Amino acid sequence: MKKGESFTSRTLFITQDFINAFARFSGDFNPIHVDEEFARKVGLGGTIAHGVIMLQYLVELLEGKFENGFSFHVKFIKPARPGEEIFAKIVIENVEGSQVHFKATVEDTGGSVHVAGEGRGTL
C-alpha cells in the first residue's frame, strides 16, 4: 500500500425489502426503518436504512486489506435510503512500516457521503 492509493467495496442497492429483512434479522424494528408514514411524520422524508448496514460494507473492505487488525472511528453524516446504491471507500493517508493510516467513507453512487472517518490498520 502507498499514500494516495484507494480501495472500494462492492456496491449495495438498498431496497425497502432489504431494510425489512435486516430488521427481522437484527430485531431492530424502529419505525424510522420500517414504517414509511412514521418516518415521514418525524421529518425524515421516508424510511432510512439501519446505520450498521453501511458500517458492514466498511468493515468488509477493511477486513480484506488489514488481515492483522484495524481500528477506526466514523461519523454518520447522511442516512441511506431505499433506491440508493452505496459502497465503502478507503484512501491511504500514510504508511509507516506495517502501520497504515487511512480515511474511510461510505458513499452513494450519486456522490453523497453518508459516513466519514479515519483509522489505522496493520499489514
PDB file of N, CA and C in Angstrom:
ATOM      1  N   MET A   1       0.847  -1.184   0.000  1.00  0.00           N
ATOM      2  CA  MET A   1       0.000   0.000   0.000  1.00  0.00           C
ATOM      3  C   MET A   1       0.884   1.235   0.000  1.00  0.00           C
ATOM      4  N   LYS A   2       0.361   2.278  -0.642  1.00  0.00           N
ATOM      5  CA  LYS A   2       1.106   3.527  -0.671  1.00  0.00           C
ATOM      6  C   LYS A   2       0.153   4.710  -0.509  1.00  0.00           C
ATOM      7  N   LYS A   3       0.705   5.815  -0.067  1.00  0.00           N
ATOM      8  CA  LYS A   3      -0.080   7.032   0.150  1.00  0.00           C
ATOM      9  C   LYS A   3      -0.835   7.393  -1.125  1.00  0.00           C
ATOM     10  N   GLY A   4      -2.114   7.732  -0.959  1.00  0.00           N
ATOM     11  CA  GLY A   4      -2.955   8.124  -2.076  1.00  0.00           C
ATOM     12  C   GLY A   4      -3.708   6.988  -2.739  1.00  0.00           C
ATOM     13  N   GLU A   5      -3.298   5.758  -2.472  1.00  0.00           N
ATOM     14  CA  GLU A   5      -3.979   4.610  -3.054  1.00  0.00           C
ATOM     15  C   GLU A   5      -5.376   4.497  -2.433  1.00  0.00           C
ATOM     16  N   SER A   6      -6.353   4.088  -3.230  1.00  0.00           N
ATOM     17  CA  SER A   6      -7.715   3.937  -2.711  1.00  0.00           C
ATOM     18  C   SER A   6      -8.281   2.576  -3.074  1.00  0.00           C
ATOM     19  N   PHE A   7      -9.218   2.124  -2.263  1.00  0.00           N
ATOM     20  CA  PHE A   7      -9.875   0.831  -2.435  1.00  0.00           C
ATOM     21  C   PHE A   7     -11.365   1.024  -2.189  1.00  0.00           C
ATOM     22  N   THR A   8     -12.189   0.322  -2.949  1.00  0.00           N
ATOM     23  CA  THR A   8     -13.636   0.396  -2.757  1.00  0.00           C
ATOM     24  C   THR A   8     -14.227  -1.001  -2.597  1.00  0.00           C
ATOM     25  N   SER A   9     -15.355  -1.047  -1.909  1.00  0.00           N
ATOM     26  CA  SER A   9     -16.078  -2.301  -1.696  1.00  0.00           C
ATOM     27  C   SER A   9     -17.009  -2.565  -2.871  1.00  0.00           C
ATOM     28  N   ARG A  10     -17.662  -3.685  -2.802  1.00  0.00           N
ATOM     29  CA  ARG A  10     -18.763  -3.950  -3.726  1.00  0.00           C
ATOM     30  C   ARG A  10     -19.885  -2.964  -3.388  1.00  0.00           C
ATOM     31  N   THR A  11     -20.836  -2.830  -4.268  1.00  0.00           N
ATOM     32  CA  THR A  11     -21.946  -1.912  -4.014  1.00  0.00           C
ATOM     33  C   THR A  11     -23.165  -2.669  -3.498  1.00  0.00           C
ATOM     34  N   LEU A  12     -24.043  -1.931  -2.861  1.00  0.00           N
ATOM     35  CA  LEU A  12     -25.316  -2.470  -2.393  1.00  0.00           C
ATOM     36  C   LEU A  12     -26.414  -1.516  -2.820  1.00  0.00           C
ATOM     37  N   PHE A  13     -27.372  -2.029  -3.567  1.00  0.00           N
ATOM     38  CA  PHE A  13     -28.564  -1.247  -3.909  1.00  0.00           C
ATOM     39  C   PHE A  13     -29.562  -1.459  -2.784  1.00  0.00           C
ATOM     40  N   ILE A  14     -29.886  -0.408  -2.086  1.00  0.00           N
ATOM     41  CA  ILE A  14     -30.763  -0.506  -0.913  1.00  0.00           C
ATOM     42  C   ILE A  14     -32.223  -0.493  -1.353  1.00  0.00           C
ATOM     43  N   THR A  15     -32.957  -1.474  -0.882  1.00  0.00           N
ATOM     44  CA  THR A  15     -34.402  -1.537  -1.119  1.00  0.00           C
ATOM     45  C   THR A  15     -35.106  -1.609   0.230  1.00  0.00           C
ATOM     46  N   GLN A  16     -36.388  -1.293   0.225  1.00  0.00           N
ATOM     47  CA  GLN A  16     -37.157  -1.426   1.462  1.00  0.00           C
ATOM     48  C   GLN A  16     -37.227  -2.880   1.879  1.00  0.00           C
ATOM     49  N   ASP A  17     -37.296  -3.791   0.921  1.00  0.00           N
ATOM     50  CA  ASP A  17     -37.302  -5.225   1.259  1.00  0.00           C
ATOM     51  C   ASP A  17     -36.016  -5.617   1.982  1.00  0.00           C
ATOM     52  N   PHE A  18     -34.882  -5.079   1.538  1.00  0.00           N
ATOM     53  CA  PHE A  18     -33.611  -5.377   2.205  1.00  0.00           C
ATOM     54  C   PHE A  18     -33.614  -4.829   3.631  1.00  0.00           C
ATOM     55  N   ILE A  19     -34.089  -3.596   3.799  1.00  0.00           N
ATOM     56  CA  ILE A  19     -34.170  -2.985   5.139  1.00  0.00           C
ATOM     57  C   ILE A  19     -35.087  -3.814   6.036  1.00  0.00           C
ATOM     58  N   ASN A  20     -36.231  -4.234   5.515  1.00  0.00           N
ATOM     59  CA  ASN A  20     -37.166  -5.053   6.304  1.00  0.00           C
ATOM     60  C   ASN A  20     -36.538  -6.385   6.689  1.00  0.00           C
ATOM     61  N   ALA A  21     -35.807  -6.995   5.769  1.00  0.00           N
ATOM     62  CA  ALA A  21     -35.131  -8.265   6.070  1.00  0.00           C
ATOM     63  C   ALA A  21     -34.081  -8.052   7.154  1.00  0.00           C
ATOM     64  N   PHE A  22     -33.354  -6.946   7.079  1.00  0.00           N
ATOM     65  CA  PHE A  22     -32.363  -6.667   8.118  1.00  0.00           C
ATOM     66  C   PHE A  22     -33.053  -6.446   9.462  1.00  0.00           C
ATOM     67  N   ALA A  23     -34.188  -5.780   9.469  1.00  0.00           N
ATOM     68  CA  ALA A  23     -34.940  -5.572  10.716  1.00  0.00           C
ATOM     69  C   ALA A  23     -35.328  -6.916  11.329  1.00  0.00           C
ATOM     70  N   ARG A  24     -35.777  -7.844  10.493  1.00  0.00           N
ATOM     71  CA  ARG A  24     -36.138  -9.177  11.006  1.00  0.00           C
ATOM     72  C   ARG A  24     -34.914  -9.897  11.549  1.00  0.00           C
ATOM     73  N   PHE A  25     -33.808  -9.815  10.840  1.00  0.00           N
ATOM     74  CA  PHE A  25     -32.570 -10.471  11.257  1.00  0.00           C
ATOM     75  C   PHE A  25     -32.034  -9.888  12.561  1.00  0.00           C
ATOM     76  N   SER A  26     -32.046  -8.557  12.669  1.00  0.00           N
ATOM     77  CA  SER A  26     -31.435  -7.888  13.822  1.00  0.00           C
ATOM     78  C   SER A  26     -32.395  -7.695  14.992  1.00  0.00           C
ATOM     79  N   GLY A  27     -33.689  -7.743  14.708  1.00  0.00           N
ATOM     80  CA  GLY A  27     -34.677  -7.442  15.743  1.00  0.00           C
ATOM     81  C   GLY A  27     -34.892  -5.952  15.939  1.00  0.00           C
ATOM     82  N   ASP A  28     -34.290  -5.126  15.090  1.00  0.00           N
ATOM     83  CA  ASP A  28     -34.422  -3.669  15.197  1.00  0.00           C
ATOM     84  C   ASP A  28     -35.551  -3.198  14.289  1.00  0.00           C
ATOM     85  N   PHE A  29     -36.728  -3.095  14.882  1.00  0.00           N
ATOM     86  CA  PHE A  29     -37.913  -2.667  14.141  1.00  0.00           C
ATOM     87  C   PHE A  29     -38.263  -1.214  14.422  1.00  0.00           C
ATOM     88  N   ASN A  30     -37.270  -0.395  14.699  1.00  0.00           N
ATOM     89  CA  ASN A  30     -37.516   1.031  14.886  1.00  0.00           C
ATOM     90  C   ASN A  30     -38.316   1.516  13.681  1.00  0.00           C
ATOM     91  N   PRO A  31     -39.432   2.207  13.912  1.00  0.00           N
ATOM     92  CA  PRO A  31     -40.292   2.593  12.785  1.00  0.00           C
ATOM     93  C   PRO A  31     -39.628   3.522  11.769  1.00  0.00           C
ATOM     94  N   ILE A  32     -38.528   4.175  12.100  1.00  0.00           N
ATOM     95  CA  ILE A  32     -37.851   5.004  11.089  1.00  0.00           C
ATOM     96  C   ILE A  32     -37.274   4.145   9.972  1.00  0.00           C
ATOM     97  N   HIS A  33     -37.141   2.852  10.233  1.00  0.00           N
ATOM     98  CA  HIS A  33     -36.623   1.924   9.231  1.00  0.00           C
ATOM     99  C   HIS A  33     -37.730   1.190   8.469  1.00  0.00           C
ATOM    100  N   VAL A  34     -38.846   0.935   9.114  1.00  0.00           N
ATOM    101  CA  VAL A  34     -39.835   0.022   8.523  1.00  0.00           C
ATOM    102  C   VAL A  34     -41.222   0.625   8.295  1.00  0.00           C
ATOM    103  N   ASP A  35     -41.453   1.837   8.762  1.00  0.00           N
ATOM    104  CA  ASP A  35     -42.784   2.445   8.642  1.00  0.00           C
ATOM    105  C   ASP A  35     -42.654   3.777   7.903  1.00  0.00           C
ATOM    106  N   GLU A  36     -42.979   3.755   6.616  1.00  0.00           N
ATOM    107  CA  GLU A  36     -42.837   4.929   5.750  1.00  0.00           C
ATOM    108  C   GLU A  36     -43.586   6.138   6.308  1.00  0.00           C
ATOM    109  N   GLU A  37     -44.823   5.945   6.727  1.00  0.00           N
ATOM    110  CA  GLU A  37     -45.645   7.044   7.235  1.00  0.00           C
ATOM    111  C   GLU A  37     -45.025   7.648   8.498  1.00  0.00           C
ATOM    112  N   PHE A  38     -44.612   6.791   9.428  1.00  0.00           N
ATOM    113  CA  PHE A  38     -43.983   7.275  10.659  1.00  0.00           C
ATOM    114  C   PHE A  38     -42.709   8.073  10.342  1.00  0.00           C
ATOM    115  N   ALA A  39     -41.872   7.521   9.461  1.00  0.00           N
ATOM    116  CA  ALA A  39     -40.613   8.186   9.115  1.00  0.00           C
ATOM    117  C   ALA A  39     -40.868   9.564   8.507  1.00  0.00           C
ATOM    118  N   ARG A  40     -41.912   9.684   7.708  1.00  0.00           N
ATOM    119  CA  ARG A  40     -42.262  10.996   7.140  1.00  0.00           C
ATOM    120  C   ARG A  40     -42.735  11.953   8.239  1.00  0.00           C
ATOM    121  N   LYS A  41     -43.567  11.443   9.156  1.00  0.00           N
ATOM    122  CA  LYS A  41     -44.105  12.284  10.226  1.00  0.00           C
ATOM    123  C   LYS A  41     -43.014  12.862  11.123  1.00  0.00           C
ATOM    124  N   VAL A  42     -41.913  12.126  11.306  1.00  0.00           N
ATOM    125  CA  VAL A  42     -40.836  12.619  12.175  1.00  0.00           C
ATOM    126  C   VAL A  42     -39.793  13.419  11.401  1.00  0.00           C
ATOM    127  N   GLY A  43     -40.093  13.711  10.134  1.00  0.00           N
ATOM    128  CA  GLY A  43     -39.236  14.606   9.375  1.00  0.00           C
ATOM    129  C   GLY A  43     -38.117  13.976   8.577  1.00  0.00           C
ATOM    130  N   LEU A  44     -38.153  12.664   8.413  1.00  0.00           N
ATOM    131  CA  LEU A  44     -37.089  12.003   7.664  1.00  0.00           C
ATOM    132  C   LEU A  44     -37.381  11.903   6.168  1.00  0.00           C
ATOM    133  N   GLY A  45     -38.592  12.210   5.771  1.00  0.00           N
ATOM    134  CA  GLY A  45     -38.925  12.145   4.360  1.00  0.00           C
ATOM    135  C   GLY A  45     -39.140  10.738   3.840  1.00  0.00           C
ATOM    136  N   GLY A  46     -39.111   9.771   4.701  1.00  0.00           N
ATOM    137  CA  GLY A  46     -39.268   8.361   4.332  1.00  0.00           C
ATOM    138  C   GLY A  46     -38.348   7.505   5.164  1.00  0.00           C
ATOM    139  N   THR A  47     -38.443   6.211   4.978  1.00  0.00           N
ATOM    140  CA  THR A  47     -37.628   5.297   5.777  1.00  0.00           C
ATOM    141  C   THR A  47     -36.148   5.437   5.445  1.00  0.00           C
ATOM    142  N   ILE A  48     -35.322   5.039   6.409  1.00  0.00           N
ATOM    143  CA  ILE A  48     -33.871   5.056   6.234  1.00  0.00           C
ATOM    144  C   ILE A  48     -33.305   3.692   6.615  1.00  0.00           C
ATOM    145  N   ALA A  49     -32.172   3.362   6.011  1.00  0.00           N
ATOM    146  CA  ALA A  49     -31.508   2.096   6.312  1.00  0.00           C
ATOM    147  C   ALA A  49     -30.867   2.150   7.693  1.00  0.00           C
ATOM    148  N   HIS A  50     -30.728   1.009   8.319  1.00  0.00           N
ATOM    149  CA  HIS A  50     -30.011   0.894   9.587  1.00  0.00           C
ATOM    150  C   HIS A  50     -28.551   1.308   9.349  1.00  0.00           C
ATOM    151  N   GLY A  51     -27.996   2.098  10.240  1.00  0.00           N
ATOM    152  CA  GLY A  51     -26.610   2.551  10.090  1.00  0.00           C
ATOM    153  C   GLY A  51     -25.609   1.421  10.010  1.00  0.00           C
ATOM    154  N   VAL A  52     -25.870   0.342  10.709  1.00  0.00           N
ATOM    155  CA  VAL A  52     -24.929  -0.779  10.717  1.00  0.00           C
ATOM    156  C   VAL A  52     -24.813  -1.428   9.338  1.00  0.00           C
ATOM    157  N   ILE A  53     -25.805  -1.267   8.492  1.00  0.00           N
ATOM    158  CA  ILE A  53     -25.700  -1.797   7.125  1.00  0.00           C
ATOM    159  C   ILE A  53     -24.544  -1.104   6.417  1.00  0.00           C
ATOM    160  N   MET A  54     -24.454   0.210   6.568  1.00  0.00           N
ATOM    161  CA  MET A  54     -23.353   0.941   5.931  1.00  0.00           C
ATOM    162  C   MET A  54     -22.015   0.559   6.553  1.00  0.00           C
ATOM    163  N   LEU A  55     -21.989   0.418   7.860  1.00  0.00           N
ATOM    164  CA  LEU A  55     -20.742   0.042   8.530  1.00  0.00           C
ATOM    165  C   LEU A  55     -20.253  -1.329   8.084  1.00  0.00           C
ATOM    166  N   GLN A  56     -21.169  -2.249   7.822  1.00  0.00           N
ATOM    167  CA  GLN A  56     -20.773  -3.586   7.385  1.00  0.00           C
ATOM    168  C   GLN A  56     -19.959  -3.530   6.097  1.00  0.00           C
ATOM    169  N   TYR A  57     -20.328  -2.642   5.202  1.00  0.00           N
ATOM    170  CA  TYR A  57     -19.573  -2.534   3.954  1.00  0.00           C
ATOM    171  C   TYR A  57     -18.169  -2.006   4.202  1.00  0.00           C
ATOM    172  N   LEU A  58     -18.032  -1.107   5.146  1.00  0.00           N
ATOM    173  CA  LEU A  58     -16.712  -0.605   5.501  1.00  0.00           C
ATOM    174  C   LEU A  58     -15.882  -1.690   6.179  1.00  0.00           C
ATOM    175  N   VAL A  59     -16.464  -2.390   7.124  1.00  0.00           N
ATOM    176  CA  VAL A  59     -15.742  -3.462   7.827  1.00  0.00           C
ATOM    177  C   VAL A  59     -15.313  -4.554   6.847  1.00  0.00           C
ATOM    178  N   GLU A  60     -16.185  -4.916   5.946  1.00  0.00           N
ATOM    179  CA  GLU A  60     -15.859  -5.941   4.950  1.00  0.00           C
ATOM    180  C   GLU A  60     -14.647  -5.515   4.118  1.00  0.00           C
ATOM    181  N   LEU A  61     -14.604  -4.266   3.712  1.00  0.00           N
ATOM    182  CA  LEU A  61     -13.473  -3.754   2.939  1.00  0.00           C
ATOM    183  C   LEU A  61     -12.193  -3.765   3.770  1.00  0.00           C
ATOM    184  N   LEU A  62     -12.278  -3.308   5.022  1.00  0.00           N
ATOM    185  CA  LEU A  62     -11.101  -3.264   5.887  1.00  0.00           C
ATOM    186  C   LEU A  62     -10.567  -4.659   6.198  1.00  0.00           C
ATOM    187  N   GLU A  63     -11.461  -5.611   6.432  1.00  0.00           N
ATOM    188  CA  GLU A  63     -11.017  -6.987   6.713  1.00  0.00           C
ATOM    189  C   GLU A  63     -10.225  -7.556   5.544  1.00  0.00           C
ATOM    190  N   GLY A  64     -10.572  -7.178   4.337  1.00  0.00           N
ATOM    191  CA  GLY A  64      -9.870  -7.667   3.165  1.00  0.00           C
ATOM    192  C   GLY A  64      -8.505  -7.028   2.954  1.00  0.00           C
ATOM    193  N   LYS A  65      -8.264  -5.884   3.597  1.00  0.00           N
ATOM    194  CA  LYS A  65      -7.000  -5.166   3.403  1.00  0.00           C
ATOM    195  C   LYS A  65      -6.055  -5.275   4.597  1.00  0.00           C
ATOM    196  N   PHE A  66      -6.596  -5.433   5.799  1.00  0.00           N
ATOM    197  CA  PHE A  66      -5.775  -5.428   7.016  1.00  0.00           C
ATOM    198  C   PHE A  66      -6.012  -6.709   7.809  1.00  0.00           C
ATOM    199  N   GLU A  67      -5.393  -7.765   7.371  1.00  0.00           N
ATOM    200  CA  GLU A  67      -5.594  -9.069   7.995  1.00  0.00           C
ATOM    201  C   GLU A  67      -5.064  -9.131   9.422  1.00  0.00           C
ATOM    202  N   ASN A  68      -4.152  -8.215   9.779  1.00  0.00           N
ATOM    203  CA  ASN A  68      -3.577  -8.215  11.125  1.00  0.00           C
ATOM    204  C   ASN A  68      -4.263  -7.222  12.056  1.00  0.00           C
ATOM    205  N   GLY A  69      -5.411  -6.723  11.651  1.00  0.00           N
ATOM    206  CA  GLY A  69      -6.212  -5.880  12.526  1.00  0.00           C
ATOM    207  C   GLY A  69      -6.316  -4.440  12.072  1.00  0.00           C
ATOM    208  N   PHE A  70      -7.344  -3.774  12.574  1.00  0.00           N
ATOM    209  CA  PHE A  70      -7.589  -2.373  12.256  1.00  0.00           C
ATOM    210  C   PHE A  70      -8.494  -1.777  13.325  1.00  0.00           C
ATOM    211  N   SER A  71      -8.482  -0.470  13.401  1.00  0.00           N
ATOM    212  CA  SER A  71      -9.418   0.261  14.253  1.00  0.00           C
ATOM    213  C   SER A  71      -9.814   1.521  13.498  1.00  0.00           C
ATOM    214  N   PHE A  72     -11.002   2.006  13.771  1.00  0.00           N
ATOM    215  CA  PHE A  72     -11.465   3.209  13.084  1.00  0.00           C
ATOM    216  C   PHE A  72     -12.564   3.870  13.892  1.00  0.00           C
ATOM    217  N   HIS A  73     -12.800   5.129  13.588  1.00  0.00           N
ATOM    218  CA  HIS A  73     -13.946   5.839  14.136  1.00  0.00           C
ATOM    219  C   HIS A  73     -14.589   6.616  12.992  1.00  0.00           C
ATOM    220  N   VAL A  74     -15.897   6.710  13.045  1.00  0.00           N
ATOM    221  CA  VAL A  74     -16.638   7.354  11.967  1.00  0.00           C
ATOM    222  C   VAL A  74     -17.729   8.256  12.533  1.00  0.00           C
ATOM    223  N   LYS A  75     -18.232   9.098  11.660  1.00  0.00           N
ATOM    224  CA  LYS A  75     -19.371   9.953  11.964  1.00  0.00           C
ATOM    225  C   LYS A  75     -20.432   9.681  10.900  1.00  0.00           C
ATOM    226  N   PHE A  76     -21.658   9.492  11.345  1.00  0.00           N
ATOM    227  CA  PHE A  76     -22.772   9.332  10.408  1.00  0.00           C
ATOM    228  C   PHE A  76     -23.196  10.723   9.950  1.00  0.00           C
ATOM    229  N   ILE A  77     -23.165  10.945   8.652  1.00  0.00           N
ATOM    230  CA  ILE A  77     -23.433  12.262   8.092  1.00  0.00           C
ATOM    231  C   ILE A  77     -24.823  12.340   7.467  1.00  0.00           C
ATOM    232  N   LYS A  78     -25.192  11.311   6.741  1.00  0.00           N
ATOM    233  CA  LYS A  78     -26.450  11.308   5.993  1.00  0.00           C
ATOM    234  C   LYS A  78     -27.005   9.890   5.975  1.00  0.00           C
ATOM    235  N   PRO A  79     -28.296   9.711   6.257  1.00  0.00           N
ATOM    236  CA  PRO A  79     -28.848   8.361   6.209  1.00  0.00           C
ATOM    237  C   PRO A  79     -28.929   7.846   4.771  1.00  0.00           C
ATOM    238  N   ALA A  80     -28.842   6.537   4.624  1.00  0.00           N
ATOM    239  CA  ALA A  80     -29.038   5.895   3.327  1.00  0.00           C
ATOM    240  C   ALA A  80     -30.503   5.504   3.214  1.00  0.00           C
ATOM    241  N   ARG A  81     -31.025   5.630   2.009  1.00  0.00           N
ATOM    242  CA  ARG A  81     -32.451   5.413   1.784  1.00  0.00           C
ATOM    243  C   ARG A  81     -32.704   4.365   0.703  1.00  0.00           C
ATOM    244  N   PRO A  82     -33.891   3.792   0.714  1.00  0.00           N
ATOM    245  CA  PRO A  82     -34.241   2.895  -0.390  1.00  0.00           C
ATOM    246  C   PRO A  82     -34.065   3.624  -1.725  1.00  0.00           C
ATOM    247  N   GLY A  83     -33.513   2.903  -2.698  1.00  0.00           N
ATOM    248  CA  GLY A  83     -33.268   3.488  -4.006  1.00  0.00           C
ATOM    249  C   GLY A  83     -31.846   3.986  -4.198  1.00  0.00           C
ATOM    250  N   GLU A  84     -31.062   4.042  -3.120  1.00  0.00           N
ATOM    251  CA  GLU A  84     -29.672   4.468  -3.235  1.00  0.00           C
ATOM    252  C   GLU A  84     -28.759   3.251  -3.315  1.00  0.00           C
ATOM    253  N   GLU A  85     -27.649   3.421  -3.999  1.00  0.00           N
ATOM    254  CA  GLU A  85     -26.634   2.378  -4.112  1.00  0.00           C
ATOM    255  C   GLU A  85     -25.396   2.879  -3.386  1.00  0.00           C
ATOM    256  N   ILE A  86     -24.933   2.127  -2.398  1.00  0.00           N
ATOM    257  CA  ILE A  86     -23.819   2.572  -1.558  1.00  0.00           C
ATOM    258  C   ILE A  86     -22.595   1.679  -1.738  1.00  0.00           C
ATOM    259  N   PHE A  87     -21.447   2.224  -1.348  1.00  0.00           N
ATOM    260  CA  PHE A  87     -20.193   1.478  -1.331  1.00  0.00           C
ATOM    261  C   PHE A  87     -19.265   2.127  -0.309  1.00  0.00           C
ATOM    262  N   ALA A  88     -18.326   1.347   0.203  1.00  0.00           N
ATOM    263  CA  ALA A  88     -17.314   1.854   1.139  1.00  0.00           C
ATOM    264  C   ALA A  88     -16.045   2.164   0.357  1.00  0.00           C
ATOM    265  N   LYS A  89     -15.289   3.121   0.877  1.00  0.00           N
ATOM    266  CA  LYS A  89     -14.037   3.512   0.226  1.00  0.00           C
ATOM    267  C   LYS A  89     -13.015   3.873   1.301  1.00  0.00           C
ATOM    268  N   ILE A  90     -11.778   3.431   1.105  1.00  0.00           N
ATOM    269  CA  ILE A  90     -10.687   3.891   1.964  1.00  0.00           C
ATOM    270  C   ILE A  90      -9.607   4.495   1.071  1.00  0.00           C
ATOM    271  N   VAL A  91      -8.983   5.537   1.601  1.00  0.00           N
ATOM    272  CA  VAL A  91      -7.868   6.200   0.918  1.00  0.00           C
ATOM    273  C   VAL A  91      -6.690   6.188   1.884  1.00  0.00           C
ATOM    274  N   ILE A  92      -5.560   5.694   1.426  1.00  0.00           N
ATOM    275  CA  ILE A  92      -4.378   5.595   2.271  1.00  0.00           C
ATOM    276  C   ILE A  92      -3.775   6.984   2.458  1.00  0.00           C
ATOM    277  N   GLU A  93      -3.625   7.386   3.718  1.00  0.00           N
ATOM    278  CA  GLU A  93      -3.077   8.693   4.062  1.00  0.00           C
ATOM    279  C   GLU A  93      -1.581   8.636   4.348  1.00  0.00           C
ATOM    280  N   ASN A  94      -1.144   7.541   4.982  1.00  0.00           N
ATOM    281  CA  ASN A  94       0.253   7.431   5.385  1.00  0.00           C
ATOM    282  C   ASN A  94       0.578   5.965   5.668  1.00  0.00           C
ATOM    283  N   VAL A  95       1.803   5.572   5.354  1.00  0.00           N
ATOM    284  CA  VAL A  95       2.268   4.223   5.659  1.00  0.00           C
ATOM    285  C   VAL A  95       3.587   4.346   6.407  1.00  0.00           C
ATOM    286  N   GLU A  96       3.628   3.757   7.608  1.00  0.00           N
ATOM    287  CA  GLU A  96       4.851   3.738   8.430  1.00  0.00           C
ATOM    288  C   GLU A  96       5.117   2.300   8.823  1.00  0.00           C
ATOM    289  N   GLY A  97       6.024   1.651   8.102  1.00  0.00           N
ATOM    290  CA  GLY A  97       6.289   0.242   8.357  1.00  0.00           C
ATOM    291  C   GLY A  97       5.055  -0.573   8.063  1.00  0.00           C
ATOM    292  N   SER A  98       4.575  -1.303   9.065  1.00  0.00           N
ATOM    293  CA  SER A  98       3.371  -2.120   8.869  1.00  0.00           C
ATOM    294  C   SER A  98       2.090  -1.381   9.271  1.00  0.00           C
ATOM    295  N   GLN A  99       2.221  -0.139   9.734  1.00  0.00           N
ATOM    296  CA  GLN A  99       1.065   0.650  10.159  1.00  0.00           C
ATOM    297  C   GLN A  99       0.583   1.568   9.031  1.00  0.00           C
ATOM    298  N   VAL A 100      -0.707   1.551   8.793  1.00  0.00           N
ATOM    299  CA  VAL A 100      -1.305   2.336   7.724  1.00  0.00           C
ATOM    300  C   VAL A 100      -2.396   3.222   8.309  1.00  0.00           C
ATOM    301  N   HIS A 101      -2.337   4.524   8.017  1.00  0.00           N
ATOM    302  CA  HIS A 101      -3.393   5.454   8.400  1.00  0.00           C
ATOM    303  C   HIS A 101      -4.267   5.676   7.172  1.00  0.00           C
ATOM    304  N   PHE A 102      -5.582   5.608   7.342  1.00  0.00           N
ATOM    305  CA  PHE A 102      -6.487   5.760   6.205  1.00  0.00           C
ATOM    306  C   PHE A 102      -7.672   6.641   6.554  1.00  0.00           C
ATOM    307  N   LYS A 103      -8.257   7.236   5.533  1.00  0.00           N
ATOM    308  CA  LYS A 103      -9.545   7.922   5.620  1.00  0.00           C
ATOM    309  C   LYS A 103     -10.569   6.935   5.084  1.00  0.00           C
ATOM    310  N   ALA A 104     -11.758   6.946   5.642  1.00  0.00           N
ATOM    311  CA  ALA A 104     -12.796   5.994   5.249  1.00  0.00           C
ATOM    312  C   ALA A 104     -14.114   6.715   5.019  1.00  0.00           C
ATOM    313  N   THR A 105     -14.832   6.282   4.001  1.00  0.00           N
ATOM    314  CA  THR A 105     -16.164   6.820   3.746  1.00  0.00           C
ATOM    315  C   THR A 105     -17.096   5.703   3.292  1.00  0.00           C
ATOM    316  N   VAL A 106     -18.375   5.948   3.473  1.00  0.00           N
ATOM    317  CA  VAL A 106     -19.408   5.183   2.786  1.00  0.00           C
ATOM    318  C   VAL A 106     -20.157   6.227   1.971  1.00  0.00           C
ATOM    319  N   GLU A 107     -20.217   5.988   0.670  1.00  0.00           N
ATOM    320  CA  GLU A 107     -20.790   6.948  -0.261  1.00  0.00           C
ATOM    321  C   GLU A 107     -21.878   6.280  -1.076  1.00  0.00           C
ATOM    322  N   ASP A 108     -22.650   7.109  -1.781  1.00  0.00           N
ATOM    323  CA  ASP A 108     -23.575   6.543  -2.752  1.00  0.00           C
ATOM    324  C   ASP A 108     -23.070   6.859  -4.148  1.00  0.00           C
ATOM    325  N   THR A 109     -23.607   6.177  -5.121  1.00  0.00           N
ATOM    326  CA  THR A 109     -23.132   6.345  -6.488  1.00  0.00           C
ATOM    327  C   THR A 109     -23.479   7.711  -7.064  1.00  0.00           C
ATOM    328  N   GLY A 110     -24.284   8.473  -6.357  1.00  0.00           N
ATOM    329  CA  GLY A 110     -24.585   9.848  -6.765  1.00  0.00           C
ATOM    330  C   GLY A 110     -23.570  10.852  -6.248  1.00  0.00           C
ATOM    331  N   GLY A 111     -22.608  10.385  -5.440  1.00  0.00           N
ATOM    332  CA  GLY A 111     -21.550  11.254  -4.949  1.00  0.00           C
ATOM    333  C   GLY A 111     -21.717  11.775  -3.536  1.00  0.00           C
ATOM    334  N   SER A 112     -22.796  11.434  -2.861  1.00  0.00           N
ATOM    335  CA  SER A 112     -23.001  11.884  -1.479  1.00  0.00           C
ATOM    336  C   SER A 112     -22.257  10.992  -0.497  1.00  0.00           C
ATOM    337  N   VAL A 113     -21.699  11.611   0.537  1.00  0.00           N
ATOM    338  CA  VAL A 113     -21.027  10.874   1.613  1.00  0.00           C
ATOM    339  C   VAL A 113     -22.028  10.655   2.736  1.00  0.00           C
ATOM    340  N   HIS A 114     -22.166   9.405   3.172  1.00  0.00           N
ATOM    341  CA  HIS A 114     -23.097   9.049   4.245  1.00  0.00           C
ATOM    342  C   HIS A 114     -22.384   8.834   5.573  1.00  0.00           C
ATOM    343  N   VAL A 115     -21.174   8.302   5.508  1.00  0.00           N
ATOM    344  CA  VAL A 115     -20.358   8.017   6.697  1.00  0.00           C
ATOM    345  C   VAL A 115     -18.930   8.448   6.375  1.00  0.00           C
ATOM    346  N   ALA A 116     -18.270   9.104   7.341  1.00  0.00           N
ATOM    347  CA  ALA A 116     -16.873   9.505   7.119  1.00  0.00           C
ATOM    348  C   ALA A 116     -16.090   9.325   8.406  1.00  0.00           C
ATOM    349  N   GLY A 117     -14.814   8.962   8.257  1.00  0.00           N
ATOM    350  CA  GLY A 117     -13.965   8.789   9.421  1.00  0.00           C
ATOM    351  C   GLY A 117     -12.551   8.447   9.012  1.00  0.00           C
ATOM    352  N   GLU A 118     -11.823   7.912   9.959  1.00  0.00           N
ATOM    353  CA  GLU A 118     -10.441   7.528   9.718  1.00  0.00           C
ATOM    354  C   GLU A 118     -10.047   6.403  10.659  1.00  0.00           C
ATOM    355  N   GLY A 119      -8.900   5.827  10.371  1.00  0.00           N
ATOM    356  CA  GLY A 119      -8.458   4.736  11.207  1.00  0.00           C
ATOM    357  C   GLY A 119      -7.029   4.309  10.890  1.00  0.00           C
ATOM    358  N   ARG A 120      -6.632   3.213  11.541  1.00  0.00           N
ATOM    359  CA  ARG A 120      -5.310   2.618  11.343  1.00  0.00           C
ATOM    360  C   ARG A 120      -5.470   1.126  11.133  1.00  0.00           C
ATOM    361  N   GLY A 121      -4.635   0.612  10.258  1.00  0.00           N
ATOM    362  CA  GLY A 121      -4.612  -0.817  10.013  1.00  0.00           C
ATOM    363  C   GLY A 121      -3.192  -1.328  10.065  1.00  0.00           C
ATOM    364  N   THR A 122      -3.067  -2.632  10.310  1.00  0.00           N
ATOM    365  CA  THR A 122      -1.758  -3.277  10.358  1.00  0.00           C
ATOM    366  C   THR A 122      -1.648  -4.266   9.223  1.00  0.00           C
ATOM    367  N   LEU A 123      -0.564  -4.131   8.465  1.00  0.00           N
ATOM    368  CA  LEU A 123      -0.329  -5.033   7.333  1.00  0.00           C
ATOM    369  C   LEU A 123       0.269  -6.350   7.819  1.00  0.00           C
TER     370      LEU A 123
END
